[in-house]
């Protein structure tokens, strides 16, 4: 069983919301930022990223818009919504509680 993949499944959307909450951004930059900030641990592929972004947009947690670059190229930028910000806050709180509970179990007891 690929435990890393299973852990990522439940945490993809909060990770994306957090990156997008920092500033409006586009797909490739999201992939690169996740990779850099995790020291290479997270290596998203387009097949993982874009379906997750579409789910977030469908749930009205983010919006997207096309922006024209100085080169004339267009890029889709993603922006977090108020609903998305609230969802991120709730998810981070739940994650912190979960993480604290796991640590309480697996940390050695003081002797």
PDB file of N, CA and C in Angstrom:
ATOM      1  N   UNK A   1       0.849  -1.189   0.000  1.00  0.00           N
ATOM      2  CA  UNK A   1       0.000   0.000   0.000  1.00  0.00           C
ATOM      3  C   UNK A   1       0.889   1.244   0.000  1.00  0.00           C
ATOM      4  N   UNK A   2       0.498   2.224  -0.779  1.00  0.00           N
ATOM      5  CA  UNK A   2       1.258   3.471  -0.862  1.00  0.00           C
ATOM      6  C   UNK A   2       0.683   4.459   0.162  1.00  0.00           C
ATOM      7  N   UNK A   3       1.295   4.488   1.343  1.00  0.00           N
ATOM      8  CA  UNK A   3       0.783   5.328   2.432  1.00  0.00           C
ATOM      9  C   UNK A   3       0.907   6.811   2.109  1.00  0.00           C
ATOM     10  N   UNK A   4       1.978   7.189   1.415  1.00  0.00           N
ATOM     11  CA  UNK A   4       2.153   8.597   1.049  1.00  0.00           C
ATOM     12  C   UNK A   4       0.981   9.059   0.178  1.00  0.00           C
ATOM     13  N   UNK A   5       0.582   8.232  -0.755  1.00  0.00           N
ATOM     14  CA  UNK A   5      -0.529   8.573  -1.646  1.00  0.00           C
ATOM     15  C   UNK A   5      -1.835   8.720  -0.863  1.00  0.00           C
ATOM     16  N   UNK A   6      -2.063   7.817   0.091  1.00  0.00           N
ATOM     17  CA  UNK A   6      -3.276   7.871   0.907  1.00  0.00           C
ATOM     18  C   UNK A   6      -3.303   9.128   1.776  1.00  0.00           C
ATOM     19  N   UNK A   7      -2.164   9.494   2.349  1.00  0.00           N
ATOM     20  CA  UNK A   7      -2.098  10.711   3.157  1.00  0.00           C
ATOM     21  C   UNK A   7      -2.364  11.942   2.299  1.00  0.00           C
ATOM     22  N   UNK A   8      -1.825  11.944   1.099  1.00  0.00           N
ATOM     23  CA  UNK A   8      -1.997  13.082   0.203  1.00  0.00           C
ATOM     24  C   UNK A   8      -3.457  13.260  -0.192  1.00  0.00           C
ATOM     25  N   UNK A   9      -4.171  12.145  -0.406  1.00  0.00           N
ATOM     26  CA  UNK A   9      -5.576  12.220  -0.814  1.00  0.00           C
ATOM     27  C   UNK A   9      -6.397  13.104   0.105  1.00  0.00           C
ATOM     28  N   UNK A  10      -6.232  12.942   1.383  1.00  0.00           N
ATOM     29  CA  UNK A  10      -7.021  13.701   2.336  1.00  0.00           C
ATOM     30  C   UNK A  10      -6.510  15.096   2.602  1.00  0.00           C
ATOM     31  N   UNK A  11      -5.366  15.428   2.043  1.00  0.00           N
ATOM     32  CA  UNK A  11      -4.758  16.718   2.349  1.00  0.00           C
ATOM     33  C   UNK A  11      -4.473  17.583   1.136  1.00  0.00           C
ATOM     34  N   UNK A  12      -4.816  17.112  -0.031  1.00  0.00           N
ATOM     35  CA  UNK A  12      -4.563  17.873  -1.254  1.00  0.00           C
ATOM     36  C   UNK A  12      -5.280  19.214  -1.241  1.00  0.00           C
ATOM     37  N   UNK A  13      -6.569  19.200  -0.951  1.00  0.00           N
ATOM     38  CA  UNK A  13      -7.345  20.443  -1.023  1.00  0.00           C
ATOM     39  C   UNK A  13      -6.892  21.489  -0.012  1.00  0.00           C
ATOM     40  N   UNK A  14      -6.626  21.123   1.259  1.00  0.00           N
ATOM     41  CA  UNK A  14      -6.107  22.150   2.174  1.00  0.00           C
ATOM     42  C   UNK A  14      -4.758  22.717   1.725  1.00  0.00           C
ATOM     43  N   UNK A  15      -3.907  21.870   1.174  1.00  0.00           N
ATOM     44  CA  UNK A  15      -2.618  22.370   0.674  1.00  0.00           C
ATOM     45  C   UNK A  15      -2.825  23.382  -0.451  1.00  0.00           C
ATOM     46  N   UNK A  16      -3.714  23.055  -1.369  1.00  0.00           N
ATOM     47  CA  UNK A  16      -3.985  23.964  -2.488  1.00  0.00           C
ATOM     48  C   UNK A  16      -4.609  25.261  -1.991  1.00  0.00           C
ATOM     49  N   UNK A  17      -5.574  25.159  -1.082  1.00  0.00           N
ATOM     50  CA  UNK A  17      -6.204  26.362  -0.549  1.00  0.00           C
ATOM     51  C   UNK A  17      -5.172  27.264   0.134  1.00  0.00           C
ATOM     52  N   UNK A  18      -4.256  26.655   0.856  1.00  0.00           N
ATOM     53  CA  UNK A  18      -3.233  27.447   1.552  1.00  0.00           C
ATOM     54  C   UNK A  18      -2.337  28.193   0.563  1.00  0.00           C
ATOM     55  N   UNK A  19      -1.912  27.520  -0.477  1.00  0.00           N
ATOM     56  CA  UNK A  19      -1.052  28.161  -1.484  1.00  0.00           C
ATOM     57  C   UNK A  19      -1.816  29.294  -2.177  1.00  0.00           C
ATOM     58  N   UNK A  20      -3.051  29.030  -2.555  1.00  0.00           N
ATOM     59  CA  UNK A  20      -3.852  30.037  -3.265  1.00  0.00           C
ATOM     60  C   UNK A  20      -4.210  31.197  -2.342  1.00  0.00           C
ATOM     61  N   UNK A  21      -4.377  30.936  -1.042  1.00  0.00           N
ATOM     62  CA  UNK A  21      -4.724  31.999  -0.092  1.00  0.00           C
ATOM     63  C   UNK A  21      -3.602  33.023   0.032  1.00  0.00           C
ATOM     64  N   UNK A  22      -2.371  32.612  -0.221  1.00  0.00           N
ATOM     65  CA  UNK A  22      -1.240  33.533  -0.108  1.00  0.00           C
ATOM     66  C   UNK A  22      -1.295  34.618  -1.176  1.00  0.00           C
ATOM     67  N   UNK A  23      -1.710  34.234  -2.380  1.00  0.00           N
ATOM     68  CA  UNK A  23      -1.881  35.181  -3.484  1.00  0.00           C
ATOM     69  C   UNK A  23      -2.476  34.438  -4.673  1.00  0.00           C
ATOM     70  N   UNK A  24      -3.216  35.129  -5.526  1.00  0.00           N
ATOM     71  CA  UNK A  24      -3.725  34.462  -6.728  1.00  0.00           C
ATOM     72  C   UNK A  24      -2.552  33.862  -7.510  1.00  0.00           C
ATOM     73  N   UNK A  25      -2.754  32.672  -8.019  1.00  0.00           N
ATOM     74  CA  UNK A  25      -1.660  31.985  -8.695  1.00  0.00           C
ATOM     75  C   UNK A  25      -2.206  31.036  -9.754  1.00  0.00           C
ATOM     76  N   UNK A  26      -1.318  30.422 -10.504  1.00  0.00           N
ATOM     77  CA  UNK A  26      -1.701  29.528 -11.597  1.00  0.00           C
ATOM     78  C   UNK A  26      -1.123  28.131 -11.371  1.00  0.00           C
ATOM     79  N   UNK A  27      -1.627  27.175 -12.118  1.00  0.00           N
ATOM     80  CA  UNK A  27      -1.319  25.768 -11.912  1.00  0.00           C
ATOM     81  C   UNK A  27       0.140  25.405 -11.799  1.00  0.00           C
ATOM     82  N   UNK A  28       0.947  25.749 -12.791  1.00  0.00           N
ATOM     83  CA  UNK A  28       2.357  25.368 -12.778  1.00  0.00           C
ATOM     84  C   UNK A  28       3.066  25.942 -11.555  1.00  0.00           C
ATOM     85  N   UNK A  29       2.734  27.176 -11.198  1.00  0.00           N
ATOM     86  CA  UNK A  29       3.365  27.806 -10.036  1.00  0.00           C
ATOM     87  C   UNK A  29       2.947  27.101  -8.741  1.00  0.00           C
ATOM     88  N   UNK A  30       1.716  26.632  -8.672  1.00  0.00           N
ATOM     89  CA  UNK A  30       1.259  25.873  -7.504  1.00  0.00           C
ATOM     90  C   UNK A  30       2.093  24.602  -7.356  1.00  0.00           C
ATOM     91  N   UNK A  31       2.268  23.875  -8.464  1.00  0.00           N
ATOM     92  CA  UNK A  31       3.054  22.644  -8.443  1.00  0.00           C
ATOM     93  C   UNK A  31       4.466  22.928  -7.956  1.00  0.00           C
ATOM     94  N   UNK A  32       5.098  23.956  -8.496  1.00  0.00           N
ATOM     95  CA  UNK A  32       6.477  24.293  -8.132  1.00  0.00           C
ATOM     96  C   UNK A  32       6.585  24.749  -6.680  1.00  0.00           C
ATOM     97  N   UNK A  33       5.628  25.541  -6.226  1.00  0.00           N
ATOM     98  CA  UNK A  33       5.679  26.029  -4.847  1.00  0.00           C
ATOM     99  C   UNK A  33       5.500  24.886  -3.848  1.00  0.00           C
ATOM    100  N   UNK A  34       4.584  23.978  -4.119  1.00  0.00           N
ATOM    101  CA  UNK A  34       4.403  22.825  -3.237  1.00  0.00           C
ATOM    102  C   UNK A  34       5.674  21.980  -3.183  1.00  0.00           C
ATOM    103  N   UNK A  35       6.291  21.793  -4.315  1.00  0.00           N
ATOM    104  CA  UNK A  35       7.519  21.005  -4.372  1.00  0.00           C
ATOM    105  C   UNK A  35       8.649  21.692  -3.605  1.00  0.00           C
ATOM    106  N   UNK A  36       8.824  22.980  -3.840  1.00  0.00           N
ATOM    107  CA  UNK A  36       9.896  23.722  -3.179  1.00  0.00           C
ATOM    108  C   UNK A  36       9.679  23.814  -1.672  1.00  0.00           C
ATOM    109  N   UNK A  37       8.473  24.154  -1.261  1.00  0.00           N
ATOM    110  CA  UNK A  37       8.202  24.355   0.168  1.00  0.00           C
ATOM    111  C   UNK A  37       8.232  23.052   0.954  1.00  0.00           C
ATOM    112  N   UNK A  38       8.054  21.927   0.278  1.00  0.00           N
ATOM    113  CA  UNK A  38       8.100  20.625   0.952  1.00  0.00           C
ATOM    114  C   UNK A  38       9.446  19.925   0.749  1.00  0.00           C
ATOM    115  N   UNK A  39      10.422  20.646   0.220  1.00  0.00           N
ATOM    116  CA  UNK A  39      11.741  20.068  -0.069  1.00  0.00           C
ATOM    117  C   UNK A  39      11.631  18.820  -0.947  1.00  0.00           C
ATOM    118  N   UNK A  40      10.733  18.880  -1.920  1.00  0.00           N
ATOM    119  CA  UNK A  40      10.586  17.797  -2.884  1.00  0.00           C
ATOM    120  C   UNK A  40       9.641  16.682  -2.470  1.00  0.00           C
ATOM    121  N   UNK A  41       9.088  16.739  -1.277  1.00  0.00           N
ATOM    122  CA  UNK A  41       8.189  15.675  -0.809  1.00  0.00           C
ATOM    123  C   UNK A  41       6.924  15.613  -1.659  1.00  0.00           C
ATOM    124  N   UNK A  42       6.342  16.796  -1.927  1.00  0.00           N
ATOM    125  CA  UNK A  42       5.142  16.841  -2.747  1.00  0.00           C
ATOM    126  C   UNK A  42       5.536  17.126  -4.186  1.00  0.00           C
ATOM    127  N   UNK A  43       5.200  16.189  -5.050  1.00  0.00           N
ATOM    128  CA  UNK A  43       5.458  16.345  -6.476  1.00  0.00           C
ATOM    129  C   UNK A  43       4.155  16.072  -7.215  1.00  0.00           C
ATOM    130  N   UNK A  44       3.351  17.102  -7.292  1.00  0.00           N
ATOM    131  CA  UNK A  44       2.045  16.984  -7.938  1.00  0.00           C
ATOM    132  C   UNK A  44       2.212  16.872  -9.443  1.00  0.00           C
ATOM    133  N   UNK A  45       1.312  16.128 -10.029  1.00  0.00           N
ATOM    134  CA  UNK A  45       1.225  16.053 -11.486  1.00  0.00           C
ATOM    135  C   UNK A  45      -0.055  16.759 -11.896  1.00  0.00           C
ATOM    136  N   UNK A  46      -0.121  17.141 -13.147  1.00  0.00           N
ATOM    137  CA  UNK A  46      -1.311  17.833 -13.640  1.00  0.00           C
ATOM    138  C   UNK A  46      -2.563  16.993 -13.437  1.00  0.00           C
ATOM    139  N   UNK A  47      -2.430  15.673 -13.542  1.00  0.00           N
ATOM    140  CA  UNK A  47      -3.568  14.771 -13.375  1.00  0.00           C
ATOM    141  C   UNK A  47      -4.117  14.751 -11.965  1.00  0.00           C
ATOM    142  N   UNK A  48      -3.330  15.207 -11.016  1.00  0.00           N
ATOM    143  CA  UNK A  48      -3.787  15.335  -9.625  1.00  0.00           C
ATOM    144  C   UNK A  48      -4.254  16.753  -9.361  1.00  0.00           C
ATOM    145  N   UNK A  49      -3.488  17.719  -9.841  1.00  0.00           N
ATOM    146  CA  UNK A  49      -3.739  19.123  -9.536  1.00  0.00           C
ATOM    147  C   UNK A  49      -5.050  19.637 -10.123  1.00  0.00           C
ATOM    148  N   UNK A  50      -5.222  19.505 -11.423  1.00  0.00           N
ATOM    149  CA  UNK A  50      -6.364  20.160 -12.065  1.00  0.00           C
ATOM    150  C   UNK A  50      -7.723  19.597 -11.646  1.00  0.00           C
ATOM    151  N   UNK A  51      -7.875  18.286 -11.469  1.00  0.00           N
ATOM    152  CA  UNK A  51      -9.161  17.807 -10.944  1.00  0.00           C
ATOM    153  C   UNK A  51      -9.452  18.375  -9.545  1.00  0.00           C
ATOM    154  N   UNK A  52      -8.422  18.503  -8.718  1.00  0.00           N
ATOM    155  CA  UNK A  52      -8.618  19.075  -7.374  1.00  0.00           C
ATOM    156  C   UNK A  52      -9.010  20.549  -7.474  1.00  0.00           C
ATOM    157  N   UNK A  53      -8.364  21.288  -8.359  1.00  0.00           N
ATOM    158  CA  UNK A  53      -8.718  22.698  -8.549  1.00  0.00           C
ATOM    159  C   UNK A  53     -10.154  22.834  -9.051  1.00  0.00           C
ATOM    160  N   UNK A  54     -10.549  21.956  -9.946  1.00  0.00           N
ATOM    161  CA  UNK A  54     -11.922  21.994 -10.469  1.00  0.00           C
ATOM    162  C   UNK A  54     -12.940  21.690  -9.357  1.00  0.00           C
ATOM    163  N   UNK A  55     -12.607  20.740  -8.467  1.00  0.00           N
ATOM    164  CA  UNK A  55     -13.503  20.446  -7.342  1.00  0.00           C
ATOM    165  C   UNK A  55     -13.633  21.665  -6.422  1.00  0.00           C
ATOM    166  N   UNK A  56     -12.492  22.309  -6.140  1.00  0.00           N
ATOM    167  CA  UNK A  56     -12.515  23.495  -5.275  1.00  0.00           C
ATOM    168  C   UNK A  56     -13.345  24.608  -5.909  1.00  0.00           C
ATOM    169  N   UNK A  57     -13.227  24.744  -7.216  1.00  0.00           N
ATOM    170  CA  UNK A  57     -13.989  25.780  -7.911  1.00  0.00           C
ATOM    171  C   UNK A  57     -15.481  25.423  -7.927  1.00  0.00           C
ATOM    172  N   UNK A  58     -15.797  24.171  -8.166  1.00  0.00           N
ATOM    173  CA  UNK A  58     -17.193  23.726  -8.167  1.00  0.00           C
ATOM    174  C   UNK A  58     -17.834  23.967  -6.799  1.00  0.00           C
ATOM    175  N   UNK A  59     -17.040  23.773  -5.727  1.00  0.00           N
ATOM    176  CA  UNK A  59     -17.537  23.975  -4.363  1.00  0.00           C
ATOM    177  C   UNK A  59     -17.491  25.440  -3.932  1.00  0.00           C
ATOM    178  N   UNK A  60     -17.095  26.314  -4.863  1.00  0.00           N
ATOM    179  CA  UNK A  60     -17.033  27.765  -4.633  1.00  0.00           C
ATOM    180  C   UNK A  60     -16.033  28.160  -3.543  1.00  0.00           C
ATOM    181  N   UNK A  61     -14.965  27.353  -3.428  1.00  0.00           N
ATOM    182  CA  UNK A  61     -13.896  27.671  -2.479  1.00  0.00           C
ATOM    183  C   UNK A  61     -12.808  28.506  -3.150  1.00  0.00           C
ATOM    184  N   UNK A  62     -12.759  28.433  -4.475  1.00  0.00           N
ATOM    185  CA  UNK A  62     -11.862  29.272  -5.264  1.00  0.00           C
ATOM    186  C   UNK A  62     -12.612  29.744  -6.508  1.00  0.00           C
ATOM    187  N   UNK A  63     -12.084  30.770  -7.124  1.00  0.00           N
ATOM    188  CA  UNK A  63     -12.565  31.204  -8.434  1.00  0.00           C
ATOM    189  C   UNK A  63     -11.361  31.223  -9.365  1.00  0.00           C
ATOM    190  N   UNK A  64     -11.636  31.266 -10.647  1.00  0.00           N
ATOM    191  CA  UNK A  64     -10.537  31.351 -11.606  1.00  0.00           C
ATOM    192  C   UNK A  64     -10.876  32.384 -12.675  1.00  0.00           C
ATOM    193  N   UNK A  65      -9.829  32.920 -13.250  1.00  0.00           N
ATOM    194  CA  UNK A  65     -10.003  33.870 -14.353  1.00  0.00           C
ATOM    195  C   UNK A  65      -8.765  33.805 -15.240  1.00  0.00           C
ATOM    196  N   UNK A  66      -8.980  34.081 -16.502  1.00  0.00           N
ATOM    197  CA  UNK A  66      -7.875  34.107 -17.451  1.00  0.00           C
ATOM    198  C   UNK A  66      -7.221  35.481 -17.419  1.00  0.00           C
ATOM    199  N   UNK A  67      -5.898  35.490 -17.404  1.00  0.00           N
ATOM    200  CA  UNK A  67      -5.155  36.750 -17.452  1.00  0.00           C
ATOM    201  C   UNK A  67      -4.192  36.695 -18.629  1.00  0.00           C
ATOM    202  N   UNK A  68      -4.128  37.808 -19.300  1.00  0.00           N
ATOM    203  CA  UNK A  68      -3.228  37.906 -20.441  1.00  0.00           C
ATOM    204  C   UNK A  68      -1.878  38.425 -19.954  1.00  0.00           C
ATOM    205  N   UNK A  69      -0.829  37.709 -20.308  1.00  0.00           N
ATOM    206  CA  UNK A  69       0.527  38.100 -19.937  1.00  0.00           C
ATOM    207  C   UNK A  69       1.068  39.102 -20.947  1.00  0.00           C
ATOM    208  N   UNK A  70       2.115  39.844 -20.584  1.00  0.00           N
ATOM    209  CA  UNK A  70       2.715  40.789 -21.533  1.00  0.00           C
ATOM    210  C   UNK A  70       3.119  40.130 -22.856  1.00  0.00           C
ATOM    211  N   UNK A  71       3.448  38.837 -22.797  1.00  0.00           N
ATOM    212  CA  UNK A  71       3.846  38.107 -24.006  1.00  0.00           C
ATOM    213  C   UNK A  71       2.652  37.796 -24.907  1.00  0.00           C
ATOM    214  N   UNK A  72       1.437  38.040 -24.388  1.00  0.00           N
ATOM    215  CA  UNK A  72       0.231  37.720 -25.145  1.00  0.00           C
ATOM    216  C   UNK A  72      -0.361  36.373 -24.757  1.00  0.00           C
ATOM    217  N   UNK A  73       0.412  35.566 -24.062  1.00  0.00           N
ATOM    218  CA  UNK A  73      -0.052  34.260 -23.601  1.00  0.00           C
ATOM    219  C   UNK A  73      -1.108  34.450 -22.511  1.00  0.00           C
ATOM    220  N   UNK A  74      -2.062  33.520 -22.429  1.00  0.00           N
ATOM    221  CA  UNK A  74      -3.086  33.565 -21.391  1.00  0.00           C
ATOM    222  C   UNK A  74      -2.781  32.495 -20.346  1.00  0.00           C
ATOM    223  N   UNK A  75      -3.099  32.829 -19.091  1.00  0.00           N
ATOM    224  CA  UNK A  75      -2.888  31.906 -17.980  1.00  0.00           C
ATOM    225  C   UNK A  75      -4.107  31.983 -17.056  1.00  0.00           C
ATOM    226  N   UNK A  76      -4.552  30.816 -16.577  1.00  0.00           N
ATOM    227  CA  UNK A  76      -5.685  30.787 -15.656  1.00  0.00           C
ATOM    228  C   UNK A  76      -5.156  30.948 -14.233  1.00  0.00           C
ATOM    229  N   UNK A  77      -5.619  31.997 -13.561  1.00  0.00           N
ATOM    230  CA  UNK A  77      -5.236  32.280 -12.181  1.00  0.00           C
ATOM    231  C   UNK A  77      -6.369  31.872 -11.242  1.00  0.00           C
ATOM    232  N   UNK A  78      -5.984  31.341 -10.092  1.00  0.00           N
ATOM    233  CA  UNK A  78      -6.936  30.897  -9.085  1.00  0.00           C
ATOM    234  C   UNK A  78      -6.852  31.811  -7.871  1.00  0.00           C
ATOM    235  N   UNK A  79      -8.026  32.161  -7.321  1.00  0.00           N
ATOM    236  CA  UNK A  79      -8.136  33.050  -6.170  1.00  0.00           C
ATOM    237  C   UNK A  79      -9.059  32.395  -5.148  1.00  0.00           C
ATOM    238  N   UNK A  80      -8.693  32.479  -3.884  1.00  0.00           N
ATOM    239  CA  UNK A  80      -9.540  31.902  -2.829  1.00  0.00           C
ATOM    240  C   UNK A  80     -10.732  32.823  -2.575  1.00  0.00           C
ATOM    241  N   UNK A  81     -11.862  32.232  -2.247  1.00  0.00           N
ATOM    242  CA  UNK A  81     -13.070  32.994  -1.917  1.00  0.00           C
ATOM    243  C   UNK A  81     -13.188  33.097  -0.391  1.00  0.00           C
ATOM    244  N   UNK A  82     -14.156  33.887   0.074  1.00  0.00           N
ATOM    245  CA  UNK A  82     -14.404  33.957   1.523  1.00  0.00           C
ATOM    246  C   UNK A  82     -14.781  32.584   2.063  1.00  0.00           C
ATOM    247  N   UNK A  83     -15.612  31.880   1.318  1.00  0.00           N
ATOM    248  CA  UNK A  83     -16.001  30.522   1.711  1.00  0.00           C
ATOM    249  C   UNK A  83     -14.774  29.609   1.761  1.00  0.00           C
ATOM    250  N   UNK A  84     -13.869  29.778   0.806  1.00  0.00           N
ATOM    251  CA  UNK A  84     -12.643  28.989   0.772  1.00  0.00           C
ATOM    252  C   UNK A  84     -11.737  29.304   1.946  1.00  0.00           C
ATOM    253  N   UNK A  85     -11.655  30.576   2.310  1.00  0.00           N
ATOM    254  CA  UNK A  85     -10.830  30.979   3.450  1.00  0.00           C
ATOM    255  C   UNK A  85     -11.375  30.368   4.731  1.00  0.00           C
ATOM    256  N   UNK A  86     -12.699  30.371   4.885  1.00  0.00           N
ATOM    257  CA  UNK A  86     -13.313  29.769   6.072  1.00  0.00           C
ATOM    258  C   UNK A  86     -13.076  28.264   6.090  1.00  0.00           C
ATOM    259  N   UNK A  87     -13.199  27.634   4.940  1.00  0.00           N
ATOM    260  CA  UNK A  87     -12.948  26.199   4.837  1.00  0.00           C
ATOM    261  C   UNK A  87     -11.501  25.889   5.196  1.00  0.00           C
ATOM    262  N   UNK A  88     -10.583  26.698   4.722  1.00  0.00           N
ATOM    263  CA  UNK A  88      -9.164  26.497   5.035  1.00  0.00           C
ATOM    264  C   UNK A  88      -8.935  26.619   6.536  1.00  0.00           C
ATOM    265  N   UNK A  89      -9.503  27.627   7.154  1.00  0.00           N
ATOM    266  CA  UNK A  89      -9.362  27.808   8.603  1.00  0.00           C
ATOM    267  C   UNK A  89      -9.877  26.582   9.350  1.00  0.00           C
ATOM    268  N   UNK A  90     -11.050  26.086   8.957  1.00  0.00           N
ATOM    269  CA  UNK A  90     -11.633  24.903   9.600  1.00  0.00           C
ATOM    270  C   UNK A  90     -10.765  23.661   9.383  1.00  0.00           C
ATOM    271  N   UNK A  91     -10.264  23.496   8.171  1.00  0.00           N
ATOM    272  CA  UNK A  91      -9.446  22.317   7.859  1.00  0.00           C
ATOM    273  C   UNK A  91      -8.116  22.358   8.601  1.00  0.00           C
ATOM    274  N   UNK A  92      -7.513  23.541   8.706  1.00  0.00           N
ATOM    275  CA  UNK A  92      -6.249  23.657   9.434  1.00  0.00           C
ATOM    276  C   UNK A  92      -6.448  23.370  10.918  1.00  0.00           C
ATOM    277  N   UNK A  93      -7.548  23.835  11.473  1.00  0.00           N
ATOM    278  CA  UNK A  93      -7.851  23.559  12.872  1.00  0.00           C
ATOM    279  C   UNK A  93      -8.026  22.055  13.090  1.00  0.00           C
ATOM    280  N   UNK A  94      -8.774  21.410  12.209  1.00  0.00           N
ATOM    281  CA  UNK A  94      -8.983  19.959  12.309  1.00  0.00           C
ATOM    282  C   UNK A  94      -7.652  19.225  12.172  1.00  0.00           C
ATOM    283  N   UNK A  95      -6.801  19.679  11.246  1.00  0.00           N
ATOM    284  CA  UNK A  95      -5.498  19.036  11.049  1.00  0.00           C
ATOM    285  C   UNK A  95      -4.628  19.198  12.289  1.00  0.00           C
ATOM    286  N   UNK A  96      -4.626  20.373  12.893  1.00  0.00           N
ATOM    287  CA  UNK A  96      -3.814  20.599  14.086  1.00  0.00           C
ATOM    288  C   UNK A  96      -4.288  19.714  15.239  1.00  0.00           C
ATOM    289  N   UNK A  97      -5.585  19.571  15.396  1.00  0.00           N
ATOM    290  CA  UNK A  97      -6.124  18.682  16.432  1.00  0.00           C
ATOM    291  C   UNK A  97      -5.742  17.232  16.165  1.00  0.00           C
ATOM    292  N   UNK A  98      -5.868  16.809  14.923  1.00  0.00           N
ATOM    293  CA  UNK A  98      -5.517  15.444  14.530  1.00  0.00           C
ATOM    294  C   UNK A  98      -4.026  15.192  14.762  1.00  0.00           C
ATOM    295  N   UNK A  99      -3.202  16.130  14.324  1.00  0.00           N
ATOM    296  CA  UNK A  99      -1.753  16.003  14.469  1.00  0.00           C
ATOM    297  C   UNK A  99      -1.348  15.923  15.943  1.00  0.00           C
ATOM    298  N   UNK A 100      -1.962  16.745  16.779  1.00  0.00           N
ATOM    299  CA  UNK A 100      -1.661  16.724  18.216  1.00  0.00           C
ATOM    300  C   UNK A 100      -2.051  15.381  18.829  1.00  0.00           C
ATOM    301  N   UNK A 101      -3.184  14.827  18.402  1.00  0.00           N
ATOM    302  CA  UNK A 101      -3.625  13.530  18.917  1.00  0.00           C
ATOM    303  C   UNK A 101      -2.670  12.420  18.494  1.00  0.00           C
ATOM    304  N   UNK A 102      -2.222  12.452  17.247  1.00  0.00           N
ATOM    305  CA  UNK A 102      -1.259  11.455  16.764  1.00  0.00           C
ATOM    306  C   UNK A 102       0.042  11.563  17.556  1.00  0.00           C
ATOM    307  N   UNK A 103       0.549  12.785  17.717  1.00  0.00           N
ATOM    308  CA  UNK A 103       1.794  12.990  18.476  1.00  0.00           C
ATOM    309  C   UNK A 103       1.662  12.482  19.905  1.00  0.00           C
ATOM    310  N   UNK A 104       0.512  12.721  20.525  1.00  0.00           N
ATOM    311  CA  UNK A 104       0.299  12.275  21.906  1.00  0.00           C
ATOM    312  C   UNK A 104       0.389  10.746  22.007  1.00  0.00           C
ATOM    313  N   UNK A 105       0.027  10.059  20.952  1.00  0.00           N
ATOM    314  CA  UNK A 105       0.072   8.611  20.958  1.00  0.00           C
ATOM    315  C   UNK A 105       1.463   8.081  20.637  1.00  0.00           C
ATOM    316  N   UNK A 106       2.125   8.649  19.639  1.00  0.00           N
ATOM    317  CA  UNK A 106       3.380   8.052  19.170  1.00  0.00           C
ATOM    318  C   UNK A 106       4.634   8.573  19.848  1.00  0.00           C
ATOM    319  N   UNK A 107       4.555   9.711  20.525  1.00  0.00           N
ATOM    320  CA  UNK A 107       5.740  10.219  21.220  1.00  0.00           C
ATOM    321  C   UNK A 107       6.010   9.357  22.441  1.00  0.00           C
ATOM    322  N   UNK A 108       7.270   9.091  22.697  1.00  0.00           N
ATOM    323  CA  UNK A 108       7.591   8.314  23.901  1.00  0.00           C
ATOM    324  C   UNK A 108       7.157   9.079  25.161  1.00  0.00           C
ATOM    325  N   UNK A 109       6.679   8.319  26.116  1.00  0.00           N
ATOM    326  CA  UNK A 109       6.278   8.941  27.373  1.00  0.00           C
ATOM    327  C   UNK A 109       7.516   9.298  28.181  1.00  0.00           C
ATOM    328  N   UNK A 110       7.467  10.449  28.865  1.00  0.00           N
ATOM    329  CA  UNK A 110       8.624  10.846  29.675  1.00  0.00           C
ATOM    330  C   UNK A 110       8.826   9.836  30.822  1.00  0.00           C
ATOM    331  N   UNK A 111      10.085   9.572  31.081  1.00  0.00           N
ATOM    332  CA  UNK A 111      10.369   8.608  32.151  1.00  0.00           C
ATOM    333  C   UNK A 111      10.863   9.289  33.395  1.00  0.00           C
TER     334      UNK A 111
END
